[in-house]
Protein backbone atom coordinates (compact mmCIF):
# COMPACT_ATOMS: atom_id res chain seq x y z
CA UNK A 1 89.36 107.31 73.02
CA UNK A 2 86.47 107.73 75.45
CA UNK A 3 87.49 108.25 79.09
CA UNK A 4 85.68 105.11 80.23
CA UNK A 5 87.85 103.06 77.85
CA UNK A 6 91.12 104.40 79.26
CA UNK A 7 93.34 102.48 81.66
CA UNK A 8 94.02 103.55 85.23
CA UNK A 9 97.47 105.00 84.44
CA UNK A 10 96.00 107.09 81.64
CA UNK A 11 93.19 108.42 83.82
CA UNK A 12 95.66 109.37 86.56
CA UNK A 13 97.38 111.63 84.01
CA UNK A 14 94.42 113.05 82.09
CA UNK A 15 91.28 113.03 84.27
CA UNK A 16 90.49 116.50 85.56
CA UNK A 17 93.10 118.11 83.33
CA UNK A 18 92.52 120.12 80.15
CA UNK A 19 94.11 122.74 77.92
CA UNK A 20 94.02 126.16 79.57
CA UNK A 21 91.99 128.28 77.14
CA UNK A 22 93.62 131.67 77.66
CA UNK A 23 97.25 130.63 77.19
CA UNK A 24 97.08 127.16 75.67
CA UNK A 25 99.01 125.71 78.63
CA UNK A 26 98.64 121.93 78.71
CA UNK A 27 98.21 121.90 82.49
CA UNK A 28 95.45 123.69 84.34
CA UNK A 29 96.98 126.52 86.40
CA UNK A 30 96.60 127.38 90.08
CA UNK A 31 93.74 129.84 90.39
CA UNK A 32 94.60 131.73 93.58
CA UNK A 33 91.34 133.62 93.90
CA UNK A 34 88.86 133.63 96.75
CA UNK A 35 86.02 135.14 94.66
CA UNK A 36 84.71 134.66 91.13
CA UNK A 37 82.83 136.99 88.73
CA UNK A 38 79.12 136.69 89.33
CA UNK A 39 76.52 136.56 86.53
CA UNK A 40 74.86 139.81 85.46
CA UNK A 41 71.80 138.98 87.54
CA UNK A 42 72.92 137.36 90.79
CA UNK A 43 69.63 137.84 92.59
CA UNK A 44 68.62 134.18 92.26
CA UNK A 45 71.95 132.72 93.37
CA UNK A 46 72.11 130.36 96.31
CA UNK A 47 75.03 131.85 98.26
CA UNK A 48 75.76 128.47 99.83
CA UNK A 49 75.87 126.59 96.53
CA UNK A 50 78.86 124.37 95.79
CA UNK A 51 77.70 123.83 92.20
CA UNK A 52 79.24 126.94 90.66
CA UNK A 53 82.23 129.17 91.22
CA UNK A 54 81.18 131.94 93.58
CA UNK A 55 83.51 131.89 96.57
CA UNK A 56 86.40 129.54 97.35
CA UNK A 57 84.84 128.38 100.63
CA UNK A 58 82.01 126.97 98.47
CA UNK A 59 84.28 125.51 95.82
CA UNK A 60 87.31 126.53 93.79
CA UNK A 61 88.44 125.82 90.26
CA UNK A 62 91.37 123.65 91.37
CA UNK A 63 89.20 121.80 93.85
CA UNK A 64 86.69 120.93 91.13
CA UNK A 65 89.45 119.63 88.81
CA UNK A 66 90.75 117.36 91.56
CA UNK A 67 87.24 116.17 92.39
CA UNK A 68 86.74 115.17 88.76
CA UNK A 69 89.96 113.14 88.79
CA UNK A 70 89.28 111.34 92.08
CA UNK A 71 85.68 110.45 91.21
CA UNK A 72 86.96 108.92 87.99
CA UNK A 73 89.75 106.95 89.70
CA UNK A 74 87.38 105.50 92.33
CA UNK A 75 84.49 104.88 89.92
CA UNK A 76 82.13 107.19 91.79
CA UNK A 77 79.52 109.62 90.53
CA UNK A 78 80.93 112.56 92.48
CA UNK A 79 83.65 113.66 94.89
CA UNK A 80 84.10 116.35 97.51
CA UNK A 81 87.62 117.48 98.35
CA UNK A 82 88.24 119.03 101.77
CA UNK A 83 91.10 120.59 103.69
CA UNK A 84 92.34 117.42 105.42
CA UNK A 85 91.57 113.74 105.75
CA UNK A 86 90.05 114.42 109.17
CA UNK A 87 87.76 117.05 107.61
CA UNK A 88 86.59 114.38 105.14
CA UNK A 89 85.94 111.86 107.92
CA UNK A 90 84.18 114.42 110.13
CA UNK A 91 82.17 115.55 107.10
CA UNK A 92 80.77 112.04 106.63
CA UNK A 93 79.90 111.68 110.32
CA UNK A 94 78.37 115.16 110.57
CA UNK A 95 76.25 114.67 107.46
CA UNK A 96 74.93 111.15 107.98
CA UNK A 97 74.67 110.81 111.77
CA UNK A 98 71.88 112.54 113.68
CA UNK A 99 71.15 112.76 117.40
CA UNK A 100 70.26 109.33 118.75
CA UNK A 101 71.86 107.45 115.87
CA UNK A 102 74.17 104.47 116.26
CA UNK A 103 77.39 103.80 114.35
CA UNK A 104 79.57 100.70 114.12
CA UNK A 105 83.25 101.41 113.60
CA UNK A 106 86.60 99.63 113.44
CA UNK A 107 87.94 99.52 117.00
CA UNK A 108 91.46 100.39 115.89
CA UNK A 109 91.41 103.30 113.49
CA UNK A 110 92.91 106.71 112.98
CA UNK A 111 93.06 108.50 116.34
CA UNK A 112 90.78 111.37 115.23
CA UNK A 113 88.06 108.85 114.27
CA UNK A 114 88.40 107.18 117.66
CA UNK A 115 87.98 110.51 119.44
CA UNK A 116 85.12 111.75 117.27
CA UNK A 117 83.02 108.60 117.57
CA UNK A 118 84.06 107.40 121.02
CA UNK A 119 84.18 110.76 122.84
CA UNK A 120 82.89 113.89 121.12
CA UNK A 121 79.81 112.69 119.24
CA UNK A 122 78.41 110.66 122.18
CA UNK A 123 78.91 113.58 124.59
CA UNK A 124 77.63 116.33 122.29
CA UNK A 125 74.88 114.65 120.25
CA UNK A 126 73.91 111.43 122.03
CA UNK A 127 75.28 109.37 119.14
CA UNK A 128 76.33 105.90 120.27
CA UNK A 129 79.30 104.08 118.78
CA UNK A 130 80.09 100.40 118.97
CA UNK A 131 83.75 99.71 118.26
CA UNK A 132 84.47 96.20 117.00
CA UNK A 133 87.18 94.28 115.20
CA UNK A 134 85.78 94.71 111.69
CA UNK A 135 88.19 92.08 110.37
CA UNK A 136 85.47 89.75 111.75
CA UNK A 137 82.25 90.39 109.76
CA UNK A 138 80.26 88.47 112.38
CA UNK A 139 81.32 91.04 115.00
CA UNK A 140 79.87 93.74 112.75
CA UNK A 141 76.63 91.77 112.34
CA UNK A 142 76.29 91.33 116.10
CA UNK A 143 76.87 95.06 116.68
CA UNK A 144 74.10 96.23 114.35
CA UNK A 145 71.02 97.86 115.93
CA UNK A 146 67.71 99.13 114.54
CA UNK A 147 69.08 102.71 114.77
CA UNK A 148 72.45 101.94 113.14
CA UNK A 149 72.88 104.53 110.41
CA UNK A 150 76.53 104.03 109.46
CA UNK A 151 79.17 101.33 109.47
CA UNK A 152 82.64 102.82 109.13
CA UNK A 153 85.70 100.66 108.46
CA UNK A 154 89.34 101.36 107.84
CA UNK A 155 91.06 98.81 105.64
CA UNK A 156 93.94 98.25 105.85
CA UNK A 157 93.68 99.63 109.38
CA UNK A 158 96.01 102.09 111.06
CA UNK A 159 98.36 100.95 112.61
CA UNK A 160 97.40 97.27 112.88
CA UNK A 161 97.11 96.73 109.08
CA UNK A 162 93.98 94.68 109.79
CA UNK A 163 92.03 94.02 106.60
CA UNK A 164 88.22 94.05 106.60
CA UNK A 165 86.12 92.24 103.99
CA UNK A 166 84.40 95.17 102.26
CA UNK A 167 81.94 93.08 100.27
CA UNK A 168 80.79 91.05 103.27
CA UNK A 169 80.43 94.11 105.51
CA UNK A 170 78.56 96.06 102.81
CA UNK A 171 75.95 93.28 102.71
CA UNK A 172 75.60 93.38 106.51
CA UNK A 173 75.31 97.19 106.62
CA UNK A 174 72.75 97.35 103.83
CA UNK A 175 70.66 94.54 105.33
CA UNK A 176 70.42 96.69 108.46
CA UNK A 177 69.51 99.85 106.57
CA UNK A 178 72.91 101.50 107.17
CA UNK A 179 75.51 103.06 104.90
CA UNK A 180 79.04 101.70 104.62
CA UNK A 181 81.93 104.16 104.53
CA UNK A 182 85.45 102.90 103.91
CA UNK A 183 88.65 104.75 104.74
CA UNK A 184 90.88 103.42 101.97
CA UNK A 185 93.82 105.77 102.58
CA UNK A 186 96.43 103.04 103.06
CA UNK A 187 95.39 101.34 99.81
CA UNK A 188 94.77 104.30 97.47
CA UNK A 189 92.43 103.98 94.47
CA UNK A 190 95.09 102.04 92.59
CA UNK A 191 95.16 99.10 95.00
CA UNK A 192 91.53 98.92 96.15
CA UNK A 193 88.12 99.97 94.82
CA UNK A 194 85.63 99.96 97.74
CA UNK A 195 82.69 101.30 95.69
CA UNK A 196 82.89 98.35 93.32
CA UNK A 197 82.73 96.04 96.37
CA UNK A 198 79.52 97.59 97.68
CA UNK A 199 80.67 100.53 99.82
CA UNK A 200 78.54 103.68 99.68
CA UNK A 201 81.34 106.15 100.41
CA UNK A 202 85.11 105.91 100.14
CA UNK A 203 87.33 108.30 102.09
CA UNK A 204 90.96 109.27 101.56
CA UNK A 205 93.46 111.38 103.37
CA UNK A 206 94.92 112.93 100.22
CA UNK A 207 97.87 114.01 102.36
CA UNK A 208 99.17 110.46 102.14
CA UNK A 209 99.54 108.33 99.00
CA UNK A 210 97.47 110.31 96.50
CA UNK A 211 99.62 113.41 97.00
CA UNK A 212 102.66 111.27 97.69
CA UNK A 213 105.23 114.02 98.22
CA UNK A 214 104.70 115.06 101.83
CA UNK A 215 103.99 118.69 100.92
CA UNK A 216 100.20 119.17 100.90
CA UNK A 217 97.17 118.29 102.99
CA UNK A 218 93.71 117.31 101.83
CA UNK A 219 90.87 114.84 102.18
CA UNK A 220 88.23 113.42 99.87
CA UNK A 221 84.93 111.55 99.94
CA UNK A 222 83.69 109.78 96.81
CA UNK A 223 80.26 108.25 96.24
CA UNK A 224 76.88 109.00 94.69
CA UNK A 225 76.12 112.57 93.66
CA UNK A 226 73.24 112.79 96.13
CA UNK A 227 75.39 111.83 99.13
CA UNK A 228 78.41 113.87 98.08
CA UNK A 229 76.24 116.94 97.50
CA UNK A 230 74.91 116.60 101.04
CA UNK A 231 78.47 116.60 102.41
CA UNK A 232 79.30 119.67 100.32
CA UNK A 233 76.31 121.60 101.67
CA UNK A 234 76.67 120.63 105.29
CA UNK A 235 80.30 119.91 106.01
CA UNK A 236 82.18 121.99 103.46
CA UNK A 237 80.29 125.21 102.77
CA UNK A 238 78.75 125.65 106.18
CA UNK A 239 81.55 124.25 108.35
CA UNK A 240 84.31 125.84 106.28
CA UNK A 241 86.39 122.75 105.48
CA UNK A 242 87.46 123.91 102.01
CA UNK A 243 90.87 123.01 100.61
CA UNK A 244 93.22 125.74 99.41
CA UNK A 245 93.68 126.03 95.62
CA UNK A 246 97.44 125.53 96.02
CA UNK A 247 97.04 122.27 97.95
CA UNK A 248 94.47 121.04 95.43
CA UNK A 249 96.92 121.78 92.61
CA UNK A 250 99.79 120.00 94.40
CA UNK A 251 97.66 116.91 95.03
CA UNK A 252 96.49 116.96 91.38
CA UNK A 253 100.15 116.92 90.36
CA UNK A 254 100.98 114.08 92.75
CA UNK A 255 98.08 111.91 91.62
CA UNK A 256 99.49 111.64 88.09
CA UNK A 257 102.21 109.25 89.29
CA UNK A 258 100.05 107.34 91.80
CA UNK A 259 100.19 103.88 90.15
CA UNK A 260 103.93 104.06 89.57
CA UNK A 261 104.55 105.03 93.18
CA UNK A 262 102.16 102.45 94.65
CA UNK A 263 103.87 99.68 92.71
CA UNK A 264 107.27 100.75 94.06
CA UNK A 265 105.96 101.20 97.63
CA UNK A 266 104.32 97.76 97.54
CA UNK A 267 107.23 95.87 96.00
CA UNK A 268 109.75 97.40 98.40
CA UNK A 269 107.45 96.85 101.39
CA UNK A 270 107.14 93.18 100.54
CA UNK A 271 110.94 92.81 100.44
CA UNK A 272 111.34 94.70 103.72
CA UNK A 273 108.53 92.77 105.44
CA UNK A 274 110.11 89.44 104.49
CA UNK A 275 113.49 90.66 105.77
CA UNK A 276 111.98 91.77 109.11
CA UNK A 277 109.90 88.60 109.48
CA UNK A 278 113.07 86.52 109.31
CA UNK A 279 115.10 88.73 111.68
CA UNK A 280 115.87 87.22 115.11
CA UNK A 281 115.43 90.59 116.90
CA UNK A 282 111.92 91.14 115.52
CA UNK A 283 108.99 89.98 117.66
CA UNK A 284 106.27 90.31 114.98
CA UNK A 285 105.57 91.88 111.59
CA UNK A 286 102.08 92.91 110.47
CA UNK A 287 101.90 93.40 106.70
CA UNK A 288 98.94 92.24 104.57
CA UNK A 289 101.22 90.85 101.88
CA UNK A 290 102.75 88.27 104.19
CA UNK A 291 101.15 84.83 104.25
CA UNK A 292 101.40 85.02 108.05
CA UNK A 293 99.03 88.01 108.17
CA UNK A 294 95.66 86.91 109.62
CA UNK A 295 93.69 88.54 106.78
CA UNK A 296 96.12 87.81 103.95
CA UNK A 297 93.46 85.90 101.98
CA UNK A 298 91.01 88.82 102.13
CA UNK A 299 93.74 91.28 101.18
CA UNK A 300 94.66 89.11 98.20
CA UNK A 301 91.00 89.03 97.15
CA UNK A 302 90.23 92.76 97.30
CA UNK A 303 93.61 94.48 96.79
CA UNK A 304 95.82 94.67 93.72
CA UNK A 305 98.99 94.85 95.84
CA UNK A 306 99.54 95.43 99.56
CA UNK A 307 100.73 99.04 99.86
CA UNK A 308 103.70 100.38 101.79
CA UNK A 309 102.69 100.42 105.47
CA UNK A 310 103.56 97.79 108.05
CA UNK A 311 103.97 97.57 111.80
CA UNK A 312 106.54 95.53 113.69
CA UNK A 313 107.89 95.09 117.19
CA UNK A 314 111.27 94.26 118.68
CA UNK A 315 112.10 91.99 121.59
CA UNK A 316 112.59 94.85 124.01
CA UNK A 317 111.09 97.80 125.84
CA UNK A 318 110.33 101.40 124.82
CA UNK A 319 113.96 102.40 125.41
CA UNK A 320 115.20 99.83 122.89
CA UNK A 321 112.61 100.83 120.30
CA UNK A 322 113.63 104.48 120.65
CA UNK A 323 117.34 103.66 120.45
CA UNK A 324 116.64 101.72 117.28
CA UNK A 325 114.71 104.65 115.79
CA UNK A 326 117.46 107.10 116.59
CA UNK A 327 120.11 104.83 115.06
CA UNK A 328 118.43 104.97 111.64
CA UNK A 329 120.20 107.11 109.04
CA UNK A 330 118.07 106.89 105.89
CA UNK A 331 114.66 106.25 107.43
CA UNK A 332 113.20 109.35 109.11
CA UNK A 333 111.49 109.34 112.51
CA UNK A 334 108.25 111.18 111.68
CA UNK A 335 104.49 110.71 111.50
CA UNK A 336 102.42 110.28 108.33
CA UNK A 337 102.63 107.68 105.57
CA UNK A 338 102.83 107.66 101.80
CA UNK A 339 105.76 110.06 101.42
CA UNK A 340 108.57 109.59 98.96
CA UNK A 341 110.91 109.09 101.94
CA UNK A 342 110.57 106.20 104.39
CA UNK A 343 109.07 107.18 107.76
CA UNK A 344 108.91 105.34 111.08
CA UNK A 345 107.26 106.16 114.42
CA UNK A 346 107.11 104.37 117.76
CA UNK A 347 103.65 103.88 119.27
CA UNK A 348 104.01 103.10 122.97
CA UNK A 349 101.87 100.99 125.29
CA UNK A 350 100.14 104.08 126.71
CA UNK A 351 98.21 104.65 123.45
CA UNK A 352 94.55 105.08 124.38
CA UNK A 353 93.48 102.44 121.84
CA UNK A 354 95.94 99.92 123.26
CA UNK A 355 93.24 97.61 124.69
CA UNK A 356 91.87 97.14 121.16
CA UNK A 357 95.20 96.16 119.60
CA UNK A 358 96.08 92.56 118.76
CA UNK A 359 98.06 91.08 121.69
CA UNK A 360 101.44 91.40 119.96
CA UNK A 361 100.95 95.18 119.60
CA UNK A 362 100.14 95.82 123.23
CA UNK A 363 103.71 96.35 124.46
CA UNK A 364 104.46 99.01 121.85
CA UNK A 365 105.30 98.81 118.18
CA UNK A 366 106.87 100.64 115.24
CA UNK A 367 104.72 101.85 112.34
CA UNK A 368 106.79 101.87 109.17
CA UNK A 369 105.88 103.64 105.93
CA UNK A 370 108.12 102.42 103.14
CA UNK A 371 109.20 105.18 100.78
CA UNK A 372 110.50 105.19 97.22
CA UNK A 373 114.14 104.48 98.02
CA UNK A 374 115.75 101.26 96.79
CA UNK A 375 114.58 98.37 98.94
CA UNK A 376 118.19 97.25 99.40
CA UNK A 377 119.10 100.64 100.86
CA UNK A 378 116.16 100.55 103.28
CA UNK A 379 117.18 97.07 104.44
CA UNK A 380 120.81 98.16 104.86
CA UNK A 381 119.67 101.03 107.07
CA UNK A 382 117.60 98.68 109.23
CA UNK A 383 120.55 96.28 109.46
CA UNK A 384 123.00 98.92 110.64
CA UNK A 385 120.46 100.17 113.22
CA UNK A 386 120.09 96.66 114.63
CA UNK A 387 123.86 96.38 114.96
CA UNK A 388 124.15 99.88 116.47
CA UNK A 389 121.75 98.76 119.22
CA UNK A 390 123.80 95.65 119.96
CA UNK A 391 121.22 93.39 118.33
CA UNK A 392 122.06 90.56 115.97
CA UNK A 393 122.02 90.99 112.21
CA UNK A 394 119.64 89.05 109.96
CA UNK A 395 121.93 86.01 110.15
CA UNK A 396 121.82 86.07 113.95
CA UNK A 397 125.35 87.41 114.40
CA UNK A 398 126.41 90.50 116.37
């Protein structure tokens, strides 16, 4: 069977993998080397090339295997894998934004993106950023300028879970001569395919769902070979953002079960979101799978399922939210998303992006990453935490 005829589950298992020639092992090994044997005549080599194995800062064997897999899963020509998700984001900005350029970006996004585009790039390079609610394509259209070089969106967004219409925004960006980059970390390649909807580049924090085990860090950018090669030259080789072979191998291992995990995350998250939405102590729930979500129709159109991240708030202050967090027994109070265990973190009203949040978020909220535990066990843990805080149970009783 040709690779292009294989289903997504099959490609998660087999893409990028092969029989190891020396031993016959059916899984490619970790190659923990920082240098590779050069050809007999190395005089013509480009020492900054990422196209062949020379030095692990340029590229490594395990990195290239993972790049092959991720390009296949996203339907892109090429992929670059970097040390972290932030390295992938910064690599896109560094490569495609020049002094005097303008960028349009989601106004609520990962904190490093906010700082890079709202603080560092304007101060250091004179790059201007307009931050808008990209869930409204008309806001993106109004923000475009003649010198706009990039539109960057995060969908679903962190932590609001706002969903942006990729196809509509791609048309706006391209009409203005700009590229569209999409951070699709919360969706993963299984739930959303931004390149097929018109995006030029798709970005993932591999640390999250694609790895899925909370034990490795990495980032990736997938797109055309020309654009990915530019990121490799500028932001990987010459800024030193290379991933370690061990982390690349761990993420390769995790990616094999991606569709199975995303199905479980999504199904459990839907059950938990419905439970929270009906709870008398809960002020709001933001989850794209709920009909009450403002962009539910767009999420239904461009996502296969709705992933495992939601945000919600209680009727109470920071002290109550923290008491609730500390009463949890199964769910762990920690940052990150996409782990096998459920994680929750309180984001208080002093967050620097607070003025961009939807009104219900402004007083503080809980970001909740649903893990792979049984949904009934997650709900039981939430229920006992409500009761431990003197709040009513789901039926309204103390």
